[in-house]
Structures are given as C-alpha cells and as structure tokens.
All heavy atoms as atom14 arrays in JSON, in Angstrom:
{
  "sequence": "PELLRYIDFVATRLDLRRHFQFSTRVESAVWDEERQLWT",
  "atom14_mask": [
    [1, 1, 1, 1, 1, 1, 1, 0, 0, 0, 0, 0, 0, 0],
    [1, 1, 1, 1, 1, 1, 1, 1, 1, 0, 0, 0, 0, 0],
    [1, 1, 1, 1, 1, 1, 1, 1, 0, 0, 0, 0, 0, 0],
    [1, 1, 1, 1, 1, 1, 1, 1, 0, 0, 0, 0, 0, 0],
    [1, 1, 1, 1, 1, 1, 1, 1, 1, 1, 1, 0, 0, 0],
    [1, 1, 1, 1, 1, 1, 1, 1, 1, 1, 1, 1, 0, 0],
    [1, 1, 1, 1, 1, 1, 1, 1, 0, 0, 0, 0, 0, 0],
    [1, 1, 1, 1, 1, 1, 1, 1, 0, 0, 0, 0, 0, 0],
    [1, 1, 1, 1, 1, 1, 1, 1, 1, 1, 1, 0, 0, 0],
    [1, 1, 1, 1, 1, 1, 1, 0, 0, 0, 0, 0, 0, 0],
    [1, 1, 1, 1, 1, 0, 0, 0, 0, 0, 0, 0, 0, 0],
    [1, 1, 1, 1, 1, 1, 1, 0, 0, 0, 0, 0, 0, 0],
    [1, 1, 1, 1, 1, 1, 1, 1, 1, 1, 1, 0, 0, 0],
    [1, 1, 1, 1, 1, 1, 1, 1, 0, 0, 0, 0, 0, 0],
    [1, 1, 1, 1, 1, 1, 1, 1, 0, 0, 0, 0, 0, 0],
    [1, 1, 1, 1, 1, 1, 1, 1, 0, 0, 0, 0, 0, 0],
    [1, 1, 1, 1, 1, 1, 1, 1, 1, 1, 1, 0, 0, 0],
    [1, 1, 1, 1, 1, 1, 1, 1, 1, 1, 1, 0, 0, 0],
    [1, 1, 1, 1, 1, 1, 1, 1, 1, 1, 0, 0, 0, 0],
    [1, 1, 1, 1, 1, 1, 1, 1, 1, 1, 1, 0, 0, 0],
    [1, 1, 1, 1, 1, 1, 1, 1, 1, 0, 0, 0, 0, 0],
    [1, 1, 1, 1, 1, 1, 1, 1, 1, 1, 1, 0, 0, 0],
    [1, 1, 1, 1, 1, 1, 0, 0, 0, 0, 0, 0, 0, 0],
    [1, 1, 1, 1, 1, 1, 1, 0, 0, 0, 0, 0, 0, 0],
    [1, 1, 1, 1, 1, 1, 1, 1, 1, 1, 1, 0, 0, 0],
    [1, 1, 1, 1, 1, 1, 1, 0, 0, 0, 0, 0, 0, 0],
    [1, 1, 1, 1, 1, 1, 1, 1, 1, 0, 0, 0, 0, 0],
    [1, 1, 1, 1, 1, 1, 0, 0, 0, 0, 0, 0, 0, 0],
    [1, 1, 1, 1, 1, 0, 0, 0, 0, 0, 0, 0, 0, 0],
    [1, 1, 1, 1, 1, 1, 1, 0, 0, 0, 0, 0, 0, 0],
    [1, 1, 1, 1, 1, 1, 1, 1, 1, 1, 1, 1, 1, 1],
    [1, 1, 1, 1, 1, 1, 1, 1, 0, 0, 0, 0, 0, 0],
    [1, 1, 1, 1, 1, 1, 1, 1, 1, 0, 0, 0, 0, 0],
    [1, 1, 1, 1, 1, 1, 1, 1, 1, 0, 0, 0, 0, 0],
    [1, 1, 1, 1, 1, 1, 1, 1, 1, 1, 1, 0, 0, 0],
    [1, 1, 1, 1, 1, 1, 1, 1, 1, 0, 0, 0, 0, 0],
    [1, 1, 1, 1, 1, 1, 1, 1, 0, 0, 0, 0, 0, 0],
    [1, 1, 1, 1, 1, 1, 1, 1, 1, 1, 1, 1, 1, 1],
    [1, 1, 1, 1, 1, 1, 1, 0, 0, 0, 0, 0, 0, 0]
  ],
  "atom14_positions": [
    [[-186.74, -95.94, 37.77], [-185.81, -94.91, 37.56], [-185.29, -94.32, 38.82], [-184.07, -94.07, 38.98], [-186.64, -93.78, 36.69], [-187.57, -94.62, 36.04], [-187.94, -95.68, 37.04], [0.0, 0.0, 0.0], [0.0, 0.0, 0.0], [0.0, 0.0, 0.0], [0.0, 0.0, 0.0], [0.0, 0.0, 0.0], [0.0, 0.0, 0.0], [0.0, 0.0, 0.0]],
    [[-186.13, -94.15, 39.83], [-185.68, -93.67, 41.09], [-184.79, -94.71, 41.83], [-183.79, -94.38, 42.44], [-186.82, -93.23, 42.03], [-186.41, -92.66, 43.3], [-187.52, -92.03, 44.21], [-188.61, -92.42, 43.92], [-187.16, -91.19, 45.0], [0.0, 0.0, 0.0], [0.0, 0.0, 0.0], [0.0, 0.0, 0.0], [0.0, 0.0, 0.0], [0.0, 0.0, 0.0]],
    [[-185.14, -95.97, 41.82], [-184.32, -97.04, 42.4], [-182.93, -96.96, 41.73], [-181.9, -97.19, 42.4], [-184.98, -98.35, 42.18], [-186.11, -98.67, 42.97], [-186.94, -99.79, 42.44], [-185.82, -98.89, 44.49], [0.0, 0.0, 0.0], [0.0, 0.0, 0.0], [0.0, 0.0, 0.0], [0.0, 0.0, 0.0], [0.0, 0.0, 0.0], [0.0, 0.0, 0.0]],
    [[-182.89, -96.77, 40.42], [-181.54, -96.72, 39.75], [-180.81, -95.54, 40.13], [-179.59, -95.57, 40.3], [-181.75, -96.86, 38.26], [-180.62, -97.61, 37.41], [-180.39, -99.01, 37.94], [-181.1, -97.76, 35.91], [0.0, 0.0, 0.0], [0.0, 0.0, 0.0], [0.0, 0.0, 0.0], [0.0, 0.0, 0.0], [0.0, 0.0, 0.0], [0.0, 0.0, 0.0]],
    [[-181.52, -94.42, 40.39], [-180.86, -93.22, 40.82], [-180.24, -93.48, 42.24], [-179.16, -92.98, 42.61], [-181.76, -91.99, 40.85], [-182.06, -91.46, 39.48], [-182.77, -90.18, 39.53], [-184.04, -90.02, 40.28], [-185.17, -90.36, 39.75], [-185.26, -90.63, 38.46], [-186.29, -90.23, 40.44], [0.0, 0.0, 0.0], [0.0, 0.0, 0.0], [0.0, 0.0, 0.0]],
    [[-181.02, -94.16, 43.06], [-180.43, -94.47, 44.4], [-179.34, -95.32, 44.34], [-178.25, -95.08, 45.09], [-181.56, -95.23, 45.19], [-181.15, -95.81, 46.54], [-180.93, -94.91, 47.65], [-181.08, -97.18, 46.74], [-180.5, -95.47, 48.87], [-180.62, -97.63, 47.94], [-180.33, -96.83, 49.02], [-179.88, -97.36, 50.22], [0.0, 0.0, 0.0], [0.0, 0.0, 0.0]],
    [[-179.29, -96.4, 43.52], [-178.29, -97.34, 43.33], [-176.97, -96.53, 42.88], [-175.87, -96.71, 43.38], [-178.53, -98.46, 42.41], [-179.64, -99.42, 43.13], [-177.38, -99.24, 42.01], [-180.32, -100.33, 42.14], [0.0, 0.0, 0.0], [0.0, 0.0, 0.0], [0.0, 0.0, 0.0], [0.0, 0.0, 0.0], [0.0, 0.0, 0.0], [0.0, 0.0, 0.0]],
    [[-177.21, -95.63, 41.86], [-176.08, -94.79, 41.39], [-175.55, -93.89, 42.5], [-174.29, -93.77, 42.56], [-176.6, -93.9, 40.17], [-175.63, -92.94, 39.83], [-174.59, -93.37, 39.22], [-175.74, -91.71, 39.97], [0.0, 0.0, 0.0], [0.0, 0.0, 0.0], [0.0, 0.0, 0.0], [0.0, 0.0, 0.0], [0.0, 0.0, 0.0], [0.0, 0.0, 0.0]],
    [[-176.45, -93.34, 43.3], [-175.95, -92.5, 44.38], [-175.05, -93.25, 45.35], [-174.04, -92.73, 45.77], [-177.23, -91.85, 45.11], [-176.87, -91.17, 46.4], [-176.4, -89.9, 46.35], [-177.14, -91.72, 47.6], [-176.07, -89.25, 47.45], [-176.87, -91.11, 48.87], [-176.25, -89.86, 48.69], [0.0, 0.0, 0.0], [0.0, 0.0, 0.0], [0.0, 0.0, 0.0]],
    [[-175.51, -94.53, 45.79], [-174.72, -95.29, 46.67], [-173.33, -95.64, 46.09], [-172.32, -95.54, 46.69], [-175.49, -96.62, 47.07], [-174.63, -97.44, 47.95], [-176.85, -96.16, 47.81], [0.0, 0.0, 0.0], [0.0, 0.0, 0.0], [0.0, 0.0, 0.0], [0.0, 0.0, 0.0], [0.0, 0.0, 0.0], [0.0, 0.0, 0.0], [0.0, 0.0, 0.0]],
    [[-173.46, -96.13, 44.82], [-172.14, -96.59, 44.17], [-171.22, -95.4, 44.0], [-170.02, -95.61, 44.16], [-172.54, -97.18, 42.81], [0.0, 0.0, 0.0], [0.0, 0.0, 0.0], [0.0, 0.0, 0.0], [0.0, 0.0, 0.0], [0.0, 0.0, 0.0], [0.0, 0.0, 0.0], [0.0, 0.0, 0.0], [0.0, 0.0, 0.0], [0.0, 0.0, 0.0]],
    [[-171.73, -94.25, 43.71], [-170.87, -93.01, 43.55], [-170.31, -92.51, 44.93], [-169.14, -92.19, 45.09], [-171.58, -91.95, 42.8], [-172.06, -92.36, 41.5], [-170.7, -90.71, 42.69], [0.0, 0.0, 0.0], [0.0, 0.0, 0.0], [0.0, 0.0, 0.0], [0.0, 0.0, 0.0], [0.0, 0.0, 0.0], [0.0, 0.0, 0.0], [0.0, 0.0, 0.0]],
    [[-171.21, -92.43, 45.83], [-170.91, -92.01, 47.15], [-169.8, -92.85, 47.83], [-168.91, -92.29, 48.51], [-172.19, -91.9, 48.04], [-171.97, -91.54, 49.49], [-171.65, -89.94, 49.66], [-171.75, -89.63, 51.01], [-170.84, -89.79, 51.96], [-169.78, -90.62, 51.58], [-171.04, -89.35, 53.2], [0.0, 0.0, 0.0], [0.0, 0.0, 0.0], [0.0, 0.0, 0.0]],
    [[-169.86, -94.15, 47.63], [-168.96, -95.04, 48.33], [-167.85, -95.47, 47.3], [-167.03, -96.28, 47.76], [-169.67, -96.27, 48.84], [-170.78, -95.94, 49.8], [-171.52, -97.22, 50.24], [-170.28, -95.25, 51.08], [0.0, 0.0, 0.0], [0.0, 0.0, 0.0], [0.0, 0.0, 0.0], [0.0, 0.0, 0.0], [0.0, 0.0, 0.0], [0.0, 0.0, 0.0]],
    [[-167.86, -94.91, 46.11], [-166.68, -95.32, 45.13], [-166.62, -96.68, 44.88], [-165.54, -97.26, 44.9], [-165.46, -94.64, 45.58], [-164.35, -94.64, 44.45], [-164.79, -94.74, 43.31], [-163.21, -94.56, 44.8], [0.0, 0.0, 0.0], [0.0, 0.0, 0.0], [0.0, 0.0, 0.0], [0.0, 0.0, 0.0], [0.0, 0.0, 0.0], [0.0, 0.0, 0.0]],
    [[-167.76, -97.38, 44.63], [-167.8, -98.82, 44.43], [-167.42, -99.28, 43.0], [-166.87, -100.35, 42.79], [-169.22, -99.41, 44.78], [-169.72, -99.12, 46.17], [-171.07, -99.71, 46.36], [-168.76, -99.63, 47.22], [0.0, 0.0, 0.0], [0.0, 0.0, 0.0], [0.0, 0.0, 0.0], [0.0, 0.0, 0.0], [0.0, 0.0, 0.0], [0.0, 0.0, 0.0]],
    [[-167.7, -98.46, 42.03], [-167.51, -98.96, 40.58], [-166.16, -99.21, 40.28], [-165.88, -100.06, 39.49], [-168.07, -97.79, 39.63], [-169.56, -97.8, 39.59], [-169.99, -96.83, 38.55], [-171.4, -96.67, 38.43], [-172.2, -95.82, 39.07], [-171.54, -94.98, 39.92], [-173.53, -95.71, 38.98], [0.0, 0.0, 0.0], [0.0, 0.0, 0.0], [0.0, 0.0, 0.0]],
    [[-165.12, -98.64, 40.97], [-163.74, -99.04, 40.61], [-163.41, -100.44, 40.95], [-162.44, -100.96, 40.49], [-162.77, -97.98, 41.36], [-162.77, -98.16, 42.85], [-161.93, -97.08, 43.49], [-162.03, -97.07, 45.02], [-161.08, -97.62, 45.71], [-160.06, -98.28, 45.11], [-161.22, -97.71, 47.02], [0.0, 0.0, 0.0], [0.0, 0.0, 0.0], [0.0, 0.0, 0.0]],
    [[-164.24, -101.1, 41.74], [-163.93, -102.49, 42.1], [-164.66, -103.51, 41.05], [-164.48, -104.64, 41.21], [-164.33, -102.82, 43.49], [-163.57, -101.95, 44.57], [-162.31, -102.15, 44.82], [-164.07, -100.89, 45.31], [-161.89, -101.41, 45.82], [-162.92, -100.53, 46.03], [0.0, 0.0, 0.0], [0.0, 0.0, 0.0], [0.0, 0.0, 0.0], [0.0, 0.0, 0.0]],
    [[-165.46, -102.95, 40.18], [-166.19, -103.74, 39.3], [-165.67, -103.89, 37.89], [-165.18, -102.86, 37.44], [-167.73, -103.25, 39.12], [-168.64, -103.64, 40.28], [-168.73, -102.88, 41.44], [-169.32, -104.85, 40.23], [-169.57, -103.17, 42.42], [-170.19, -105.23, 41.2], [-170.32, -104.36, 42.34], [0.0, 0.0, 0.0], [0.0, 0.0, 0.0], [0.0, 0.0, 0.0]],
    [[-165.68, -104.99, 37.39], [-165.48, -105.19, 35.9], [-166.81, -105.48, 35.1], [-167.4, -106.49, 35.42], [-164.5, -106.26, 35.64], [-164.15, -106.38, 34.09], [-162.88, -107.33, 34.03], [-161.82, -107.21, 34.49], [-163.14, -108.41, 33.07], [0.0, 0.0, 0.0], [0.0, 0.0, 0.0], [0.0, 0.0, 0.0], [0.0, 0.0, 0.0], [0.0, 0.0, 0.0]],
    [[-167.33, -104.5, 34.43], [-168.57, -104.59, 33.87], [-168.53, -105.26, 32.48], [-167.5, -105.57, 31.96], [-169.19, -103.15, 33.64], [-169.47, -102.52, 35.14], [-168.71, -101.4, 35.38], [-170.47, -103.01, 35.84], [-168.91, -100.77, 36.58], [-170.65, -102.4, 37.1], [-169.89, -101.23, 37.4], [0.0, 0.0, 0.0], [0.0, 0.0, 0.0], [0.0, 0.0, 0.0]],
    [[-169.8, -105.61, 32.03], [-169.88, -106.28, 30.67], [-168.99, -107.58, 30.74], [-168.46, -107.85, 29.65], [-169.48, -105.43, 29.55], [-170.18, -104.21, 29.53], [0.0, 0.0, 0.0], [0.0, 0.0, 0.0], [0.0, 0.0, 0.0], [0.0, 0.0, 0.0], [0.0, 0.0, 0.0], [0.0, 0.0, 0.0], [0.0, 0.0, 0.0], [0.0, 0.0, 0.0]],
    [[-169.03, -108.25, 31.8], [-168.28, -109.47, 32.02], [-169.07, -110.6, 32.68], [-169.65, -110.37, 33.69], [-167.01, -109.14, 32.88], [-166.24, -108.05, 32.3], [-166.09, -110.38, 33.06], [0.0, 0.0, 0.0], [0.0, 0.0, 0.0], [0.0, 0.0, 0.0], [0.0, 0.0, 0.0], [0.0, 0.0, 0.0], [0.0, 0.0, 0.0], [0.0, 0.0, 0.0]],
    [[-168.99, -111.78, 31.98], [-169.67, -112.85, 32.58], [-168.71, -113.89, 33.08], [-167.66, -114.14, 32.36], [-170.65, -113.51, 31.62], [-171.81, -112.67, 31.22], [-172.88, -113.48, 30.37], [-174.06, -112.68, 30.13], [-175.07, -112.5, 30.94], [-175.05, -113.24, 32.16], [-176.14, -111.84, 30.74], [0.0, 0.0, 0.0], [0.0, 0.0, 0.0], [0.0, 0.0, 0.0]],
    [[-168.86, -114.41, 34.29], [-168.06, -115.51, 34.69], [-168.48, -116.79, 34.12], [-169.7, -117.13, 34.06], [-168.1, -115.67, 36.27], [-167.61, -116.88, 36.73], [-167.61, -114.47, 36.96], [0.0, 0.0, 0.0], [0.0, 0.0, 0.0], [0.0, 0.0, 0.0], [0.0, 0.0, 0.0], [0.0, 0.0, 0.0], [0.0, 0.0, 0.0], [0.0, 0.0, 0.0]],
    [[-167.56, -117.55, 33.5], [-167.9, -118.72, 32.8], [-167.62, -120.04, 33.54], [-168.21, -121.05, 33.35], [-167.19, -118.83, 31.4], [-167.6, -117.71, 30.46], [-167.13, -117.96, 29.11], [-166.04, -118.57, 28.91], [-167.73, -117.51, 28.06], [0.0, 0.0, 0.0], [0.0, 0.0, 0.0], [0.0, 0.0, 0.0], [0.0, 0.0, 0.0], [0.0, 0.0, 0.0]],
    [[-166.62, -119.9, 34.47], [-166.36, -120.98, 35.34], [-165.7, -120.56, 36.66], [-165.0, -119.63, 36.72], [-165.49, -122.08, 34.67], [-164.16, -121.49, 34.51], [0.0, 0.0, 0.0], [0.0, 0.0, 0.0], [0.0, 0.0, 0.0], [0.0, 0.0, 0.0], [0.0, 0.0, 0.0], [0.0, 0.0, 0.0], [0.0, 0.0, 0.0], [0.0, 0.0, 0.0]],
    [[-165.98, -121.43, 37.69], [-165.19, -121.26, 39.01], [-164.91, -122.59, 39.54], [-165.79, -123.41, 39.73], [-166.09, -120.44, 39.97], [0.0, 0.0, 0.0], [0.0, 0.0, 0.0], [0.0, 0.0, 0.0], [0.0, 0.0, 0.0], [0.0, 0.0, 0.0], [0.0, 0.0, 0.0], [0.0, 0.0, 0.0], [0.0, 0.0, 0.0], [0.0, 0.0, 0.0]],
    [[-163.57, -122.82, 39.65], [-163.09, -124.23, 40.02], [-162.33, -124.18, 41.24], [-161.33, -123.35, 41.3], [-162.32, -124.84, 38.75], [-161.88, -126.21, 39.19], [-163.17, -124.79, 37.54], [0.0, 0.0, 0.0], [0.0, 0.0, 0.0], [0.0, 0.0, 0.0], [0.0, 0.0, 0.0], [0.0, 0.0, 0.0], [0.0, 0.0, 0.0], [0.0, 0.0, 0.0]],
    [[-162.57, -125.01, 42.19], [-161.84, -125.06, 43.45], [-160.52, -125.9, 43.29], [-160.55, -127.01, 42.7], [-162.7, -125.81, 44.51], [-162.04, -125.97, 45.85], [-161.66, -127.06, 46.36], [-161.51, -124.99, 46.83], [-161.04, -127.07, 47.54], [-161.0, -125.68, 47.86], [-161.57, -123.54, 46.8], [-160.33, -124.93, 49.02], [-161.03, -122.99, 47.93], [-160.46, -123.7, 48.95]],
    [[-159.42, -125.34, 43.77], [-158.08, -126.05, 43.73], [-157.82, -126.47, 45.11], [-157.47, -125.62, 45.96], [-157.07, -125.0, 43.2], [-155.67, -125.62, 43.11], [-155.37, -126.56, 43.96], [-154.95, -125.28, 42.18], [0.0, 0.0, 0.0], [0.0, 0.0, 0.0], [0.0, 0.0, 0.0], [0.0, 0.0, 0.0], [0.0, 0.0, 0.0], [0.0, 0.0, 0.0]],
    [[-157.98, -127.73, 45.44], [-157.87, -128.32, 46.82], [-156.48, -128.09, 47.28], [-156.3, -127.73, 48.46], [-158.32, -129.73, 46.85], [-158.17, -130.38, 48.13], [-159.27, -129.95, 49.12], [-160.17, -129.25, 48.78], [-159.06, -130.22, 50.37], [0.0, 0.0, 0.0], [0.0, 0.0, 0.0], [0.0, 0.0, 0.0], [0.0, 0.0, 0.0], [0.0, 0.0, 0.0]],
    [[-155.48, -128.3, 46.47], [-154.11, -128.24, 47.04], [-153.75, -126.87, 47.41], [-153.13, -126.59, 48.41], [-153.24, -128.77, 45.89], [-151.73, -128.73, 46.36], [-151.43, -129.62, 47.57], [-152.23, -130.61, 47.74], [-150.5, -129.25, 48.36], [0.0, 0.0, 0.0], [0.0, 0.0, 0.0], [0.0, 0.0, 0.0], [0.0, 0.0, 0.0], [0.0, 0.0, 0.0]],
    [[-154.19, -125.83, 46.6], [-153.78, -124.53, 46.87], [-154.82, -123.68, 47.6], [-154.62, -122.58, 47.97], [-153.4, -123.79, 45.51], [-152.36, -124.42, 44.78], [-152.19, -123.96, 43.29], [-151.88, -122.51, 43.21], [-152.5, -121.67, 42.31], [-153.28, -122.22, 41.34], [-152.25, -120.48, 42.28], [0.0, 0.0, 0.0], [0.0, 0.0, 0.0], [0.0, 0.0, 0.0]],
    [[-155.96, -124.34, 47.89], [-157.03, -123.78, 48.67], [-157.43, -122.42, 48.03], [-157.47, -121.43, 48.77], [-156.71, -123.51, 50.1], [-156.46, -124.93, 50.79], [-156.03, -124.78, 52.24], [-155.05, -124.06, 52.59], [-156.79, -125.44, 53.26], [0.0, 0.0, 0.0], [0.0, 0.0, 0.0], [0.0, 0.0, 0.0], [0.0, 0.0, 0.0], [0.0, 0.0, 0.0]],
    [[-157.83, -122.42, 46.84], [-158.37, -121.13, 46.1], [-159.29, -121.55, 45.0], [-159.25, -122.65, 44.53], [-157.23, -120.32, 45.69], [-156.08, -120.86, 44.79], [-156.58, -121.03, 43.31], [-154.87, -120.02, 44.84], [0.0, 0.0, 0.0], [0.0, 0.0, 0.0], [0.0, 0.0, 0.0], [0.0, 0.0, 0.0], [0.0, 0.0, 0.0], [0.0, 0.0, 0.0]],
    [[-160.09, -120.47, 44.61], [-160.89, -120.64, 43.43], [-160.33, -119.95, 42.27], [-159.73, -118.85, 42.34], [-162.21, -119.87, 43.74], [-163.07, -120.68, 44.64], [-163.2, -120.56, 46.05], [-164.06, -121.76, 44.36], [-164.06, -121.56, 46.54], [-164.6, -122.21, 45.53], [-164.42, -122.35, 43.12], [-165.54, -123.26, 45.53], [-165.38, -123.36, 43.14], [-165.92, -123.81, 44.29]],
    [[-160.31, -120.72, 41.12], [-159.87, -120.18, 39.76], [-161.11, -119.84, 39.03], [-161.94, -120.64, 38.7], [-159.09, -121.22, 39.05], [-157.89, -121.57, 39.84], [-158.59, -120.74, 37.77], [0.0, 0.0, 0.0], [0.0, 0.0, 0.0], [0.0, 0.0, 0.0], [0.0, 0.0, 0.0], [0.0, 0.0, 0.0], [0.0, 0.0, 0.0], [0.0, 0.0, 0.0]]
  ]
}
C-alpha cells in the first residue's frame, strides 16, 4: 500500500497519467522498413 501511494505521488506530482491509456493491451507491434516506424 505504501509503495502504491509513492507511485501515485510520483505520477500525480509529475502529471504522468495524462500520457497513459489504461485498460489497454498491445496486441501487435510491426516494423515498417520502408517508412522506418512501428505500427
């Protein structure tokens, strides 16, 4: 519980949650050689 409070403190203090999409699983990551990016 204290570790989770610390993590919450850091996330809130640094406003990190706005960059997260929660309840979401990545199902695939595929490299596009021509466009040099990950889909």
